[in-house]
Protein backbone atom coordinates (compact mmCIF):
# COMPACT_ATOMS: atom_id res chain seq x y z
CA ILE A 1 -78.85 16.81 -29.97
CA ILE A 2 -76.90 16.75 -33.26
CA GLU A 3 -79.87 16.97 -35.27
CA ASP A 4 -81.34 19.90 -32.93
CA VAL A 5 -77.92 21.55 -33.74
CA LYS A 6 -77.77 20.40 -37.43
CA ASN A 7 -81.23 22.41 -38.09
CA GLY A 8 -79.95 25.73 -36.58
CA GLN A 9 -80.80 25.16 -32.69
CA PHE A 10 -77.87 26.47 -29.75
CA LEU A 11 -76.42 23.79 -27.94
CA ALA A 12 -77.82 25.04 -24.97
CA SER A 13 -81.77 25.04 -26.22
CA SER A 14 -81.31 21.53 -27.27
CA LEU A 15 -79.60 20.41 -23.89
CA ALA A 16 -82.41 22.13 -21.92
CA LYS A 17 -84.81 19.39 -23.50
CA PHE A 18 -82.46 17.31 -21.26
CA SER A 19 -82.05 19.30 -18.10
CA LYS A 20 -82.13 16.44 -16.01
CA VAL A 21 -79.52 14.58 -17.40
CA PHE A 22 -77.04 17.48 -18.10
CA GLY A 23 -78.30 20.19 -15.06
CA ASN A 24 -78.87 23.80 -15.34
CA PHE A 25 -75.82 24.85 -14.25
CA ALA A 26 -73.75 22.62 -17.27
CA ILE A 27 -76.79 24.49 -19.36
CA SER A 28 -76.21 27.78 -18.50
CA ILE A 29 -72.69 27.76 -18.67
CA ILE A 30 -73.03 26.46 -22.22
CA ARG A 31 -75.58 29.22 -23.11
CA THR A 32 -73.20 31.79 -21.76
CA GLY A 33 -70.56 30.70 -23.87
CA GLU A 34 -72.47 30.52 -26.86
CA THR A 35 -74.12 34.00 -26.34
CA SER A 36 -70.05 35.23 -26.08
CA GLY A 37 -68.81 33.49 -28.68
CA THR A 38 -66.18 31.59 -26.37
CA LEU A 39 -68.20 28.09 -26.42
CA ASP A 40 -64.98 26.16 -26.71
CA GLU A 41 -63.49 27.82 -23.75
CA SER A 42 -66.75 27.44 -21.79
CA LEU A 43 -66.86 23.73 -22.36
CA VAL A 44 -62.88 23.45 -21.64
CA TYR A 45 -63.75 25.22 -18.07
CA LEU A 46 -67.25 23.31 -17.36
CA ALA A 47 -64.90 20.06 -17.67
CA GLU A 48 -62.16 21.33 -15.32
CA GLU A 49 -65.13 22.49 -12.66
CA LEU A 50 -66.97 19.82 -13.00
CA GLU A 51 -63.44 17.54 -12.26
CA LYS A 52 -62.79 19.65 -9.28
CA LYS A 53 -66.60 18.74 -7.77
CA GLN A 54 -66.03 14.88 -8.64
CA GLN A 55 -62.20 15.54 -6.79
CA LEU A 56 -63.75 16.92 -3.53
CA GLN A 57 -66.76 14.26 -3.49
CA ARG A 58 -63.91 11.27 -3.86
CA LYS A 59 -62.22 13.02 -0.88
CA VAL A 60 -65.11 12.91 1.44
CA PHE A 61 -66.21 9.28 0.37
CA GLY A 62 -62.37 8.23 0.39
CA ALA A 63 -62.06 9.34 3.86
CA LEU A 64 -65.39 7.67 5.16
CA ILE A 65 -65.04 4.14 3.46
CA TYR A 66 -62.21 2.48 5.37
CA PRO A 67 -64.11 2.87 8.75
CA ALA A 68 -67.42 1.92 7.44
CA LEU A 69 -65.61 -0.91 6.10
CA ILE A 70 -63.68 -1.81 9.34
CA ILE A 71 -67.05 -1.15 11.14
CA THR A 72 -68.81 -3.55 8.90
CA ALA A 73 -66.23 -6.50 9.03
CA THR A 74 -66.30 -6.15 12.55
CA LEU A 75 -69.90 -6.45 13.16
CA GLY A 76 -70.03 -9.41 10.49
CA VAL A 77 -67.54 -11.51 11.88
CA VAL A 78 -68.90 -10.83 15.68
CA GLY A 79 -72.11 -11.53 14.54
CA LEU A 80 -71.34 -14.68 12.70
CA LEU A 81 -69.30 -16.28 15.72
CA THR A 82 -72.00 -15.26 18.19
CA ILE A 83 -74.75 -17.04 16.39
CA TYR A 84 -73.25 -19.85 14.92
CA VAL A 85 -70.10 -20.84 16.57
CA PHE A 86 -70.41 -19.90 20.17
CA PRO A 87 -73.71 -21.68 20.36
CA LYS A 88 -71.61 -24.95 19.84
CA ILE A 89 -68.79 -24.29 22.15
CA LEU A 90 -70.22 -22.08 24.92
CA PRO A 91 -73.10 -24.56 26.36
CA ILE A 92 -69.77 -27.20 26.77
CA PHE A 93 -68.76 -23.94 29.74
CA ALA A 94 -72.24 -23.16 31.07
CA SER A 95 -72.51 -27.23 32.05
CA LEU A 96 -69.05 -27.44 34.11
CA ASP A 97 -68.83 -27.71 37.59
CA PHE A 98 -67.42 -24.42 38.78
CA GLU A 99 -67.93 -20.35 38.72
CA LEU A 100 -67.54 -19.19 35.52
CA PRO A 101 -65.86 -15.79 34.74
CA ILE A 102 -68.18 -12.87 34.30
CA THR A 103 -66.88 -12.23 31.04
CA THR A 104 -68.16 -15.68 29.96
CA LYS A 105 -71.22 -15.17 31.75
CA ILE A 106 -71.64 -12.17 29.68
CA LEU A 107 -70.48 -13.94 26.04
CA ILE A 108 -73.08 -16.84 26.81
CA TRP A 109 -75.90 -14.53 27.72
CA LEU A 110 -75.11 -12.57 24.53
CA THR A 111 -75.13 -15.53 22.39
CA ASN A 112 -78.27 -16.96 23.89
CA PHE A 113 -79.81 -13.49 23.41
CA LEU A 114 -78.70 -13.26 19.68
CA THR A 115 -79.69 -16.91 18.99
CA ALA A 116 -83.12 -15.97 20.13
CA TRP A 117 -82.86 -12.29 19.03
CA GLY A 118 -80.91 -11.82 16.07
CA LEU A 119 -83.06 -12.16 13.06
CA TRP A 120 -85.90 -10.46 14.56
CA ILE A 121 -83.50 -7.53 15.38
CA GLY A 122 -81.79 -7.44 12.10
CA GLY A 123 -84.89 -7.89 10.43
CA ALA A 124 -86.39 -4.56 12.18
CA ILE A 125 -83.05 -2.76 11.65
CA ILE A 126 -83.56 -3.20 7.93
CA LEU A 127 -87.25 -2.81 8.16
CA VAL A 128 -86.61 0.61 9.69
CA GLY A 129 -83.92 1.61 7.36
CA VAL A 130 -86.04 0.99 4.20
CA LEU A 131 -88.54 2.89 5.81
CA VAL A 132 -86.38 6.11 6.24
CA ALA A 133 -84.89 5.72 2.97
CA TRP A 134 -88.52 5.34 1.40
CA LEU A 135 -89.60 8.61 3.44
CA VAL A 136 -86.52 10.62 2.67
CA ALA A 137 -86.84 9.69 -1.32
CA ALA A 138 -90.68 10.06 -1.76
CA LYS A 139 -91.64 12.86 1.07
CA ASP A 140 -89.93 16.32 0.80
CA SER A 141 -90.49 17.13 4.27
CA ALA A 142 -89.03 14.04 5.30
CA HIS A 143 -85.76 14.55 3.05
CA TYR A 144 -85.48 18.34 4.61
CA ILE A 145 -85.27 16.61 8.41
CA TRP A 146 -83.20 14.57 7.06
CA ASP A 147 -80.59 16.87 5.30
CA ARG A 148 -80.84 19.25 8.62
CA VAL A 149 -80.15 16.31 10.71
CA VAL A 150 -76.81 15.54 8.79
CA ILE A 151 -75.11 18.87 9.21
CA LYS A 152 -76.13 18.60 13.14
CA VAL A 153 -74.13 14.99 13.50
CA PRO A 154 -70.95 15.63 15.40
CA LEU A 155 -67.77 15.60 13.45
CA LEU A 156 -69.62 14.45 9.96
CA GLY A 157 -72.02 17.40 10.04
CA LYS A 158 -69.33 20.22 10.00
CA ILE A 159 -68.00 17.75 6.74
CA ALA A 160 -71.27 17.80 5.30
CA LEU A 161 -72.31 21.49 5.72
CA ASN A 162 -68.57 22.57 4.65
CA TYR A 163 -69.02 19.89 1.49
CA GLN A 164 -72.28 21.50 0.59
CA ILE A 165 -71.37 25.16 0.99
CA ALA A 166 -68.09 24.51 -1.23
CA ASN A 167 -70.02 23.02 -4.02
CA LEU A 168 -72.82 26.02 -3.61
CA THR A 169 -70.30 28.86 -3.51
CA ARG A 170 -68.16 27.56 -6.12
CA THR A 171 -71.35 26.95 -8.76
CA ILE A 172 -72.65 30.65 -7.93
CA GLY A 173 -69.54 32.45 -8.39
CA LEU A 174 -69.18 30.57 -11.74
CA LEU A 175 -72.14 31.47 -12.69
CA LEU A 176 -71.56 35.19 -11.82
CA LYS A 177 -68.48 35.22 -13.44
CA ALA A 178 -70.03 33.74 -16.77
CA ASP A 179 -72.70 36.77 -16.61
CA VAL A 180 -75.52 35.07 -15.29
CA GLY A 181 -77.88 37.33 -13.00
CA VAL A 182 -77.64 37.07 -9.51
CA VAL A 183 -81.20 36.06 -9.06
CA ASP A 184 -80.65 33.15 -11.37
CA SER A 185 -77.37 31.88 -10.18
CA PHE A 186 -78.99 31.31 -6.93
CA SER A 187 -81.80 29.89 -8.14
CA ILE A 188 -79.63 27.40 -10.03
CA ALA A 189 -77.33 26.87 -7.55
CA GLY A 190 -80.55 25.52 -5.54
CA ASP A 191 -81.14 22.99 -8.26
CA THR A 192 -78.35 21.60 -8.29
CA THR A 193 -77.87 20.16 -4.58
CA ASN A 194 -80.13 17.58 -3.37
CA ASN A 195 -79.90 18.85 -0.18
CA ILE A 196 -83.39 20.34 0.33
CA ALA A 197 -82.35 22.43 3.55
CA TYR A 198 -79.66 24.14 1.47
CA ARG A 199 -81.95 24.30 -1.77
CA ARG A 200 -85.18 25.88 0.15
CA ALA A 201 -82.87 28.76 1.29
CA LEU A 202 -80.90 29.67 -1.75
CA LYS A 203 -84.61 29.52 -3.56
CA ALA A 204 -85.93 31.91 -0.54
CA VAL A 205 -82.36 34.23 -0.97
CA SER A 206 -83.18 34.60 -4.63
CA ALA A 207 -86.77 35.63 -4.27
CA SER A 208 -85.23 38.48 -1.20
CA ILE A 209 -82.82 39.77 -3.75
CA ILE A 210 -85.92 40.18 -6.08
CA ARG A 211 -87.49 42.23 -3.55
CA GLY A 212 -84.17 44.55 -2.97
CA GLU A 213 -82.50 42.98 0.03
CA SER A 214 -79.33 42.03 0.10
CA ILE A 215 -77.46 38.87 -0.10
CA SER A 216 -75.63 38.87 3.09
CA SER A 217 -78.30 39.87 5.28
CA GLN A 218 -80.43 36.91 3.88
CA LEU A 219 -77.17 34.46 4.53
CA ALA A 220 -77.01 36.14 8.11
CA LYS A 221 -80.52 34.93 9.08
CA ARG A 222 -79.35 31.51 8.03
CA PRO A 223 -76.57 30.73 10.30
CA ASP A 224 -77.17 27.15 10.98
CA LEU A 225 -76.78 26.85 7.02
CA PHE A 226 -74.17 30.03 6.21
CA PRO A 227 -71.79 30.32 8.84
CA ASP A 228 -70.71 34.02 9.64
CA LEU A 229 -67.50 33.39 7.90
CA THR A 230 -69.37 33.40 4.45
CA SER A 231 -72.06 35.89 4.97
CA GLN A 232 -69.25 38.63 6.18
CA MET A 233 -67.07 37.41 2.91
CA VAL A 234 -70.13 37.82 0.72
CA ALA A 235 -70.80 41.39 2.43
CA ILE A 236 -67.27 42.55 1.62
CA GLY A 237 -68.05 41.40 -2.24
CA GLU A 238 -70.87 43.15 -2.50
CA ARG A 239 -69.28 46.51 -1.63
CA THR A 240 -66.41 46.08 -3.70
CA GLY A 241 -68.42 44.96 -6.32
CA ARG A 242 -66.28 41.67 -6.85
CA LEU A 243 -69.16 38.88 -5.42
CA SER A 244 -67.92 36.24 -8.08
CA ASP A 245 -64.67 36.45 -7.04
CA THR A 246 -65.86 36.67 -3.33
CA PHE A 247 -67.71 33.07 -4.01
CA ILE A 248 -65.32 31.39 -5.70
CA TYR A 249 -61.98 32.27 -2.89
CA LEU A 250 -65.02 30.88 -0.31
CA SER A 251 -65.02 27.75 -2.17
CA GLY A 252 -61.63 27.50 -2.11
CA LEU A 253 -61.69 28.03 1.59
CA TYR A 254 -64.70 25.42 2.47
CA GLU A 255 -62.58 23.07 0.60
CA GLU A 256 -59.64 23.28 1.91
CA GLU A 257 -61.45 23.02 5.19
CA VAL A 258 -63.52 19.75 4.09
CA ASP A 259 -60.25 18.07 3.26
CA ASN A 260 -58.72 18.98 6.59
CA ARG A 261 -61.47 17.63 8.47
CA THR A 262 -61.83 14.30 6.24
CA LYS A 263 -57.81 13.48 7.13
CA ASN A 264 -58.32 14.75 10.67
CA LEU A 265 -61.37 12.24 10.93
CA SER A 266 -59.76 9.26 9.06
CA ASN A 267 -56.34 9.37 11.59
CA ALA A 268 -58.84 10.01 14.61
CA ILE A 269 -61.01 7.12 13.64
CA GLU A 270 -58.21 4.76 12.74
CA PRO A 271 -56.76 3.90 16.22
CA ILE A 272 -60.27 3.98 17.96
CA LEU A 273 -61.36 1.59 15.69
CA MET A 274 -57.87 -0.37 15.70
CA ILE A 275 -58.83 -0.34 19.76
CA THR A 276 -62.23 -0.96 19.71
CA LEU A 277 -61.60 -4.21 17.45
CA GLY A 278 -58.82 -4.98 19.93
CA LEU A 279 -60.70 -5.00 23.15
CA VAL A 280 -64.01 -6.94 21.32
CA VAL A 281 -60.94 -9.69 20.36
CA GLY A 282 -59.66 -9.73 23.65
CA PHE A 283 -63.08 -10.06 25.45
CA ILE A 284 -63.97 -13.18 23.43
CA ALA A 285 -60.62 -14.22 23.98
CA ILE A 286 -60.64 -13.90 27.74
CA SER A 287 -64.08 -15.23 27.62
CA ILE A 288 -63.14 -18.78 26.04
CA ILE A 289 -59.49 -19.22 27.16
CA THR A 290 -60.09 -18.24 30.95
CA PRO A 291 -62.52 -21.62 31.42
CA ILE A 292 -60.64 -23.75 29.25
CA TYR A 293 -57.40 -22.98 31.57
CA GLN A 294 -60.00 -23.76 34.69
CA VAL A 295 -60.84 -26.96 33.58
CA THR A 296 -57.08 -27.61 32.85
CA GLN A 297 -56.38 -26.82 36.48
CA ASN A 298 -59.34 -28.98 37.76
CA LEU A 299 -57.93 -32.08 35.83
CA ASN A 300 -54.24 -31.75 37.04
CA PRO A 301 -53.77 -34.32 40.14
């Protein structure tokens, strides 16, 4: 890149040779800055916008990482106890000459089942996970189905949908504000997302714009990807001639929605996880302590 610039090439032209590294969004902003003579301002603006996108991404992952850790730790501890600890303790209870509590019977059955089939079940889950990951990575059709499923998952789906729209509307708005054409803005925005469902939708919208159709009408045809608010606001932007401002305004709305939903999800999941963890620990404690108590009662004269 340095050699290209020294030889008189535009920075954007040199970066375009490494588009997979820098992305079409950044290259377009830089090209506009070079053309208008405001490259320094464009670079600062680009850095600020990329930082905003990273902050949004951190909010989403930050809200989900705590529940994921709690669930993983709980399953890990229960799995270790069931497979390695309980098999040494529970046979003693099974050999006792009195009726065991139902909770202890369930725990004995679960321990025997996981001891016999646990590795097979774990291996099957890992194999299916690897297979699904490979299909999603290697096959566009599988990736498309996966992306459609993700945005329909209860609770998490709305966060994923709002996250995608927030990023895409901000990208389109910034490109339009940088005097990039509408068709190119939608095409570039489609290239910036890993969600194939949205990528295909934006490419289709871009092609429809070339045919003279309105943006809002095309978004309205895809309500599962773009809620009514999006198409209605874009229609207003088209009528008033303030399309770039409309998209940037929409991105702010959806970013706030993502922030609120992630906070609400964390607040809702935390007590549920604590209650579930308490029930699991209580079930295990009752299953082990009750037979011990019965043994001590029988030993007393």
